[in-house]
Amino acid sequence: MTTAIVCSAVLAASIFVLGFNVSMNRGYAAKRGGSQMPTDPADRLLIAQRAHGNATEYVPTLIALFLLVGWLSPTPWAQVLIVLATASRLLHAISMLRSETLASENAPRMTGAMGTYAFGLALAVTAGVAGVAAV
């Protein structure tokens, strides 16, 4: 359960760090007279907003899965899935923030996205199987 709690805390903290980054970029945009609602995929504010938005789309569900799986099935395999899902989310966020533009893909960003899907689905299946086995 410790792995599930630590990884949940890391992902929860990432939401706040990414949100703070959006606030900083809003301030920078305001100082230079830029838009607060950018549409240019190379705009730093848009990149920050999408990195934060994307994290908020997946992190809450992952945290719920981490805690369920950590409670119902704290096996080494489940702990590996939790760590890999956490690493995937962090890789995705960092890759987005380091991108010059959101208009083009890059390998780390795609790896983070695909890892989120694969490990998230594996955790969901693990939670379901563990839940059925607990009955």
N, C-alpha and C. Protein backbone atom coordinates (compact mmCIF):
# COMPACT_ATOMS: atom_id res chain seq x y z
N MET A 1 0.83 -1.20 0.00
CA MET A 1 0.00 0.00 0.00
C MET A 1 0.87 1.25 0.00
N THR A 2 2.08 1.15 0.53
CA THR A 2 2.97 2.31 0.57
C THR A 2 3.26 2.83 -0.83
N THR A 3 3.52 1.93 -1.76
CA THR A 3 3.78 2.33 -3.15
C THR A 3 2.58 3.09 -3.71
N ALA A 4 1.39 2.58 -3.47
CA ALA A 4 0.17 3.23 -3.96
C ALA A 4 0.01 4.63 -3.37
N ILE A 5 0.29 4.77 -2.09
CA ILE A 5 0.15 6.07 -1.43
C ILE A 5 1.20 7.05 -1.94
N VAL A 6 2.44 6.61 -2.03
CA VAL A 6 3.51 7.50 -2.49
C VAL A 6 3.26 7.94 -3.93
N CYS A 7 2.90 7.00 -4.80
CA CYS A 7 2.64 7.36 -6.20
C CYS A 7 1.41 8.26 -6.32
N SER A 8 0.41 8.02 -5.50
CA SER A 8 -0.76 8.91 -5.48
C SER A 8 -0.35 10.32 -5.08
N ALA A 9 0.48 10.43 -4.08
CA ALA A 9 0.95 11.74 -3.63
C ALA A 9 1.77 12.44 -4.70
N VAL A 10 2.61 11.70 -5.39
CA VAL A 10 3.42 12.28 -6.47
C VAL A 10 2.52 12.83 -7.57
N LEU A 11 1.54 12.05 -8.00
CA LEU A 11 0.64 12.51 -9.06
C LEU A 11 -0.24 13.67 -8.60
N ALA A 12 -0.70 13.62 -7.35
CA ALA A 12 -1.49 14.74 -6.83
C ALA A 12 -0.64 16.01 -6.81
N ALA A 13 0.59 15.90 -6.37
CA ALA A 13 1.48 17.07 -6.36
C ALA A 13 1.72 17.59 -7.78
N SER A 14 1.79 16.68 -8.74
CA SER A 14 2.02 17.11 -10.13
C SER A 14 0.88 18.00 -10.63
N ILE A 15 -0.35 17.73 -10.19
CA ILE A 15 -1.49 18.56 -10.59
C ILE A 15 -1.27 19.99 -10.10
N PHE A 16 -0.82 20.15 -8.86
CA PHE A 16 -0.60 21.48 -8.31
C PHE A 16 0.59 22.17 -8.95
N VAL A 17 1.65 21.44 -9.23
CA VAL A 17 2.82 22.01 -9.90
C VAL A 17 2.44 22.47 -11.30
N LEU A 18 1.70 21.64 -12.03
CA LEU A 18 1.28 22.01 -13.38
C LEU A 18 0.31 23.19 -13.34
N GLY A 19 -0.56 23.23 -12.35
CA GLY A 19 -1.47 24.37 -12.20
C GLY A 19 -0.72 25.66 -11.91
N PHE A 20 0.29 25.58 -11.05
CA PHE A 20 1.12 26.75 -10.76
C PHE A 20 1.83 27.22 -12.02
N ASN A 21 2.27 26.28 -12.83
CA ASN A 21 2.92 26.63 -14.09
C ASN A 21 1.96 27.38 -15.01
N VAL A 22 0.70 26.98 -15.04
CA VAL A 22 -0.30 27.71 -15.83
C VAL A 22 -0.43 29.14 -15.31
N SER A 23 -0.51 29.29 -14.00
CA SER A 23 -0.63 30.63 -13.41
C SER A 23 0.57 31.50 -13.76
N MET A 24 1.76 30.94 -13.68
CA MET A 24 2.96 31.70 -14.05
C MET A 24 2.90 32.13 -15.51
N ASN A 25 2.52 31.21 -16.39
CA ASN A 25 2.44 31.54 -17.81
C ASN A 25 1.34 32.54 -18.11
N ARG A 26 0.26 32.52 -17.34
CA ARG A 26 -0.78 33.55 -17.49
C ARG A 26 -0.20 34.92 -17.16
N GLY A 27 0.58 34.97 -16.09
CA GLY A 27 1.21 36.24 -15.71
C GLY A 27 2.16 36.74 -16.78
N TYR A 28 2.98 35.84 -17.32
CA TYR A 28 3.90 36.23 -18.39
C TYR A 28 3.13 36.74 -19.61
N ALA A 29 2.05 36.06 -19.96
CA ALA A 29 1.25 36.46 -21.12
C ALA A 29 0.62 37.83 -20.88
N ALA A 30 0.14 38.06 -19.66
CA ALA A 30 -0.48 39.35 -19.35
C ALA A 30 0.54 40.48 -19.44
N LYS A 31 1.74 40.24 -18.96
CA LYS A 31 2.78 41.28 -18.98
C LYS A 31 3.17 41.67 -20.41
N ARG A 32 3.14 40.71 -21.30
CA ARG A 32 3.52 41.02 -22.68
C ARG A 32 2.30 41.32 -23.56
N GLY A 33 1.11 41.39 -22.95
CA GLY A 33 -0.09 41.72 -23.69
C GLY A 33 -0.64 40.58 -24.51
N GLY A 34 -0.25 39.36 -24.16
CA GLY A 34 -0.70 38.19 -24.91
C GLY A 34 -2.08 37.74 -24.48
N SER A 35 -2.63 36.84 -25.25
CA SER A 35 -3.97 36.30 -24.99
C SER A 35 -3.95 35.36 -23.79
N GLN A 36 -5.02 35.40 -23.03
CA GLN A 36 -5.20 34.45 -21.94
C GLN A 36 -5.89 33.18 -22.44
N MET A 37 -6.34 33.21 -23.68
CA MET A 37 -7.00 32.05 -24.31
C MET A 37 -6.29 31.75 -25.64
N PRO A 38 -5.02 31.35 -25.60
CA PRO A 38 -4.27 31.16 -26.83
C PRO A 38 -4.76 29.96 -27.65
N THR A 39 -4.53 30.04 -28.94
CA THR A 39 -4.86 28.92 -29.82
C THR A 39 -3.64 28.42 -30.60
N ASP A 40 -2.55 29.18 -30.55
CA ASP A 40 -1.32 28.79 -31.24
C ASP A 40 -0.69 27.60 -30.51
N PRO A 41 -0.50 26.46 -31.19
CA PRO A 41 0.05 25.28 -30.51
C PRO A 41 1.48 25.47 -30.00
N ALA A 42 2.15 26.55 -30.39
CA ALA A 42 3.49 26.83 -29.88
C ALA A 42 3.47 27.82 -28.72
N ASP A 43 2.31 28.33 -28.36
CA ASP A 43 2.20 29.29 -27.27
C ASP A 43 2.46 28.58 -25.93
N ARG A 44 3.37 29.13 -25.14
CA ARG A 44 3.75 28.50 -23.87
C ARG A 44 2.56 28.38 -22.91
N LEU A 45 1.65 29.36 -22.92
CA LEU A 45 0.48 29.28 -22.06
C LEU A 45 -0.41 28.12 -22.49
N LEU A 46 -0.65 27.97 -23.78
CA LEU A 46 -1.47 26.85 -24.26
C LEU A 46 -0.82 25.52 -23.90
N ILE A 47 0.47 25.43 -24.07
CA ILE A 47 1.17 24.19 -23.73
C ILE A 47 1.01 23.90 -22.24
N ALA A 48 1.17 24.91 -21.40
CA ALA A 48 1.00 24.73 -19.95
C ALA A 48 -0.43 24.32 -19.62
N GLN A 49 -1.40 24.97 -20.25
CA GLN A 49 -2.81 24.63 -20.01
C GLN A 49 -3.11 23.19 -20.39
N ARG A 50 -2.61 22.77 -21.54
CA ARG A 50 -2.89 21.40 -21.99
C ARG A 50 -2.17 20.36 -21.14
N ALA A 51 -0.96 20.66 -20.69
CA ALA A 51 -0.26 19.72 -19.81
C ALA A 51 -1.04 19.55 -18.51
N HIS A 52 -1.52 20.66 -17.95
CA HIS A 52 -2.30 20.60 -16.73
C HIS A 52 -3.65 19.92 -16.98
N GLY A 53 -4.32 20.32 -18.05
CA GLY A 53 -5.62 19.74 -18.37
C GLY A 53 -5.54 18.25 -18.61
N ASN A 54 -4.52 17.83 -19.35
CA ASN A 54 -4.37 16.41 -19.63
C ASN A 54 -4.13 15.63 -18.34
N ALA A 55 -3.31 16.18 -17.46
CA ALA A 55 -3.06 15.50 -16.19
C ALA A 55 -4.34 15.38 -15.37
N THR A 56 -5.13 16.45 -15.35
CA THR A 56 -6.37 16.40 -14.55
C THR A 56 -7.39 15.43 -15.14
N GLU A 57 -7.24 15.06 -16.39
CA GLU A 57 -8.13 14.09 -17.01
C GLU A 57 -7.82 12.66 -16.56
N TYR A 58 -6.56 12.37 -16.27
CA TYR A 58 -6.16 11.00 -15.97
C TYR A 58 -5.76 10.76 -14.52
N VAL A 59 -5.17 11.73 -13.86
CA VAL A 59 -4.62 11.52 -12.53
C VAL A 59 -5.67 11.09 -11.50
N PRO A 60 -6.85 11.71 -11.43
CA PRO A 60 -7.82 11.26 -10.42
C PRO A 60 -8.21 9.79 -10.55
N THR A 61 -8.41 9.33 -11.76
CA THR A 61 -8.77 7.93 -11.98
C THR A 61 -7.60 7.03 -11.61
N LEU A 62 -6.40 7.43 -11.98
CA LEU A 62 -5.23 6.63 -11.62
C LEU A 62 -5.06 6.54 -10.11
N ILE A 63 -5.25 7.66 -9.41
CA ILE A 63 -5.13 7.63 -7.95
C ILE A 63 -6.15 6.66 -7.35
N ALA A 64 -7.37 6.71 -7.83
CA ALA A 64 -8.39 5.78 -7.33
C ALA A 64 -7.97 4.33 -7.58
N LEU A 65 -7.47 4.06 -8.78
CA LEU A 65 -7.01 2.71 -9.10
C LEU A 65 -5.82 2.31 -8.24
N PHE A 66 -4.87 3.23 -8.04
CA PHE A 66 -3.70 2.93 -7.20
C PHE A 66 -4.16 2.47 -5.81
N LEU A 67 -5.07 3.24 -5.22
CA LEU A 67 -5.50 2.95 -3.86
C LEU A 67 -6.33 1.67 -3.79
N LEU A 68 -7.19 1.45 -4.78
CA LEU A 68 -7.97 0.20 -4.82
C LEU A 68 -7.06 -1.01 -4.98
N VAL A 69 -6.17 -0.94 -5.95
CA VAL A 69 -5.28 -2.07 -6.21
C VAL A 69 -4.31 -2.25 -5.05
N GLY A 70 -3.81 -1.15 -4.50
CA GLY A 70 -2.92 -1.24 -3.35
C GLY A 70 -3.58 -1.88 -2.14
N TRP A 71 -4.86 -1.70 -2.02
CA TRP A 71 -5.63 -2.25 -0.90
C TRP A 71 -6.05 -3.69 -1.17
N LEU A 72 -6.59 -3.94 -2.37
CA LEU A 72 -7.13 -5.26 -2.69
C LEU A 72 -6.09 -6.26 -3.18
N SER A 73 -5.04 -5.78 -3.83
CA SER A 73 -4.08 -6.68 -4.46
C SER A 73 -2.67 -6.09 -4.39
N PRO A 74 -2.10 -5.99 -3.19
CA PRO A 74 -0.78 -5.36 -3.06
C PRO A 74 0.37 -6.29 -3.47
N THR A 75 0.23 -6.90 -4.63
CA THR A 75 1.26 -7.82 -5.13
C THR A 75 2.40 -7.04 -5.77
N PRO A 76 3.56 -7.68 -5.90
CA PRO A 76 4.68 -7.00 -6.58
C PRO A 76 4.29 -6.56 -8.01
N TRP A 77 3.53 -7.39 -8.71
CA TRP A 77 3.09 -7.04 -10.07
C TRP A 77 2.26 -5.77 -10.06
N ALA A 78 1.34 -5.67 -9.12
CA ALA A 78 0.48 -4.48 -9.02
C ALA A 78 1.32 -3.25 -8.68
N GLN A 79 2.31 -3.41 -7.83
CA GLN A 79 3.17 -2.28 -7.48
C GLN A 79 3.97 -1.80 -8.69
N VAL A 80 4.41 -2.74 -9.52
CA VAL A 80 5.11 -2.37 -10.75
C VAL A 80 4.19 -1.58 -11.67
N LEU A 81 2.95 -2.01 -11.81
CA LEU A 81 1.98 -1.28 -12.64
C LEU A 81 1.78 0.14 -12.12
N ILE A 82 1.67 0.29 -10.81
CA ILE A 82 1.47 1.60 -10.20
C ILE A 82 2.66 2.51 -10.48
N VAL A 83 3.86 1.99 -10.32
CA VAL A 83 5.07 2.80 -10.57
C VAL A 83 5.17 3.16 -12.05
N LEU A 84 4.89 2.21 -12.93
CA LEU A 84 4.97 2.49 -14.37
C LEU A 84 3.91 3.49 -14.82
N ALA A 85 2.71 3.41 -14.26
CA ALA A 85 1.67 4.38 -14.59
C ALA A 85 2.09 5.78 -14.12
N THR A 86 2.67 5.85 -12.94
CA THR A 86 3.16 7.14 -12.43
C THR A 86 4.26 7.69 -13.32
N ALA A 87 5.20 6.86 -13.68
CA ALA A 87 6.30 7.29 -14.56
C ALA A 87 5.76 7.75 -15.91
N SER A 88 4.76 7.05 -16.42
CA SER A 88 4.17 7.43 -17.72
C SER A 88 3.54 8.81 -17.65
N ARG A 89 2.78 9.09 -16.58
CA ARG A 89 2.14 10.40 -16.44
C ARG A 89 3.19 11.50 -16.33
N LEU A 90 4.23 11.26 -15.55
CA LEU A 90 5.28 12.27 -15.39
C LEU A 90 6.02 12.50 -16.71
N LEU A 91 6.33 11.41 -17.42
CA LEU A 91 7.00 11.53 -18.71
C LEU A 91 6.13 12.33 -19.68
N HIS A 92 4.84 12.05 -19.70
CA HIS A 92 3.95 12.77 -20.61
C HIS A 92 3.93 14.26 -20.29
N ALA A 93 3.78 14.62 -19.02
CA ALA A 93 3.72 16.03 -18.64
C ALA A 93 5.03 16.75 -18.96
N ILE A 94 6.15 16.14 -18.60
CA ILE A 94 7.44 16.77 -18.87
C ILE A 94 7.66 16.92 -20.37
N SER A 95 7.30 15.89 -21.12
CA SER A 95 7.46 15.95 -22.59
C SER A 95 6.60 17.05 -23.20
N MET A 96 5.39 17.23 -22.69
CA MET A 96 4.54 18.30 -23.20
C MET A 96 5.18 19.66 -22.92
N LEU A 97 5.64 19.84 -21.69
CA LEU A 97 6.21 21.13 -21.31
C LEU A 97 7.50 21.44 -22.06
N ARG A 98 8.22 20.42 -22.46
CA ARG A 98 9.47 20.62 -23.19
C ARG A 98 9.27 20.74 -24.71
N SER A 99 8.04 20.50 -25.16
CA SER A 99 7.74 20.59 -26.60
C SER A 99 7.80 22.03 -27.08
N GLU A 100 8.29 22.20 -28.28
CA GLU A 100 8.29 23.52 -28.92
C GLU A 100 6.87 23.87 -29.37
N THR A 101 6.13 22.82 -29.74
CA THR A 101 4.76 23.01 -30.20
C THR A 101 3.97 21.73 -29.94
N LEU A 102 2.67 21.90 -29.72
CA LEU A 102 1.81 20.73 -29.56
C LEU A 102 1.34 20.18 -30.89
N ALA A 103 1.69 20.87 -31.97
CA ALA A 103 1.27 20.46 -33.31
C ALA A 103 2.02 19.23 -33.80
N SER A 104 3.15 18.92 -33.19
CA SER A 104 3.89 17.74 -33.62
C SER A 104 4.13 16.81 -32.43
N GLU A 105 4.11 15.55 -32.72
CA GLU A 105 4.31 14.54 -31.68
C GLU A 105 5.81 14.34 -31.44
N ASN A 106 6.13 13.80 -30.27
CA ASN A 106 7.50 13.37 -30.03
C ASN A 106 7.43 12.04 -29.29
N ALA A 107 8.50 11.28 -29.38
CA ALA A 107 8.51 9.92 -28.84
C ALA A 107 8.25 9.87 -27.33
N PRO A 108 8.89 10.72 -26.53
CA PRO A 108 8.62 10.64 -25.08
C PRO A 108 7.16 10.94 -24.74
N ARG A 109 6.59 11.92 -25.41
CA ARG A 109 5.19 12.27 -25.15
C ARG A 109 4.26 11.11 -25.51
N MET A 110 4.50 10.49 -26.66
CA MET A 110 3.68 9.35 -27.08
C MET A 110 3.90 8.15 -26.16
N THR A 111 5.14 7.95 -25.71
CA THR A 111 5.43 6.86 -24.78
C THR A 111 4.66 7.07 -23.47
N GLY A 112 4.66 8.31 -22.97
CA GLY A 112 3.91 8.62 -21.76
C GLY A 112 2.42 8.40 -21.93
N ALA A 113 1.89 8.81 -23.07
CA ALA A 113 0.46 8.63 -23.34
C ALA A 113 0.10 7.16 -23.46
N MET A 114 0.87 6.41 -24.24
CA MET A 114 0.59 4.99 -24.42
C MET A 114 0.76 4.22 -23.11
N GLY A 115 1.77 4.61 -22.31
CA GLY A 115 1.95 3.99 -21.00
C GLY A 115 0.77 4.25 -20.09
N THR A 116 0.25 5.47 -20.14
CA THR A 116 -0.92 5.80 -19.32
C THR A 116 -2.09 4.89 -19.69
N TYR A 117 -2.32 4.73 -21.00
CA TYR A 117 -3.43 3.88 -21.43
C TYR A 117 -3.20 2.43 -21.03
N ALA A 118 -2.02 1.91 -21.33
CA ALA A 118 -1.74 0.49 -21.08
C ALA A 118 -1.74 0.17 -19.59
N PHE A 119 -1.00 0.95 -18.80
CA PHE A 119 -0.90 0.64 -17.37
C PHE A 119 -2.20 0.98 -16.64
N GLY A 120 -2.89 2.01 -17.10
CA GLY A 120 -4.19 2.34 -16.51
C GLY A 120 -5.19 1.23 -16.75
N LEU A 121 -5.24 0.71 -17.97
CA LEU A 121 -6.14 -0.39 -18.27
C LEU A 121 -5.76 -1.64 -17.48
N ALA A 122 -4.47 -1.92 -17.39
CA ALA A 122 -4.01 -3.08 -16.61
C ALA A 122 -4.40 -2.94 -15.14
N LEU A 123 -4.29 -1.73 -14.61
CA LEU A 123 -4.70 -1.49 -13.22
C LEU A 123 -6.22 -1.66 -13.05
N ALA A 124 -6.98 -1.20 -14.03
CA ALA A 124 -8.44 -1.36 -13.95
C ALA A 124 -8.81 -2.83 -13.96
N VAL A 125 -8.18 -3.61 -14.82
CA VAL A 125 -8.44 -5.05 -14.86
C VAL A 125 -8.02 -5.70 -13.54
N THR A 126 -6.85 -5.30 -13.04
CA THR A 126 -6.37 -5.84 -11.77
C THR A 126 -7.34 -5.53 -10.63
N ALA A 127 -7.85 -4.30 -10.60
CA ALA A 127 -8.83 -3.91 -9.56
C ALA A 127 -10.09 -4.73 -9.69
N GLY A 128 -10.57 -4.93 -10.92
CA GLY A 128 -11.77 -5.73 -11.13
C GLY A 128 -11.60 -7.17 -10.71
N VAL A 129 -10.50 -7.77 -11.12
CA VAL A 129 -10.24 -9.16 -10.77
C VAL A 129 -10.07 -9.29 -9.25
N ALA A 130 -9.33 -8.37 -8.65
CA ALA A 130 -9.14 -8.43 -7.19
C ALA A 130 -10.45 -8.23 -6.46
N GLY A 131 -11.31 -7.37 -6.99
CA GLY A 131 -12.61 -7.13 -6.37
C GLY A 131 -13.50 -8.36 -6.42
N VAL A 132 -13.50 -9.03 -7.56
CA VAL A 132 -14.29 -10.25 -7.72
C VAL A 132 -13.73 -11.34 -6.79
N ALA A 133 -12.41 -11.45 -6.72
CA ALA A 133 -11.79 -12.47 -5.87
C ALA A 133 -12.04 -12.22 -4.40
N ALA A 134 -12.26 -10.96 -4.02
CA ALA A 134 -12.47 -10.62 -2.60
C ALA A 134 -13.87 -10.96 -2.14
N VAL A 135 -14.77 -11.20 -3.08
CA VAL A 135 -16.18 -11.48 -2.71
C VAL A 135 -16.35 -12.88 -2.22
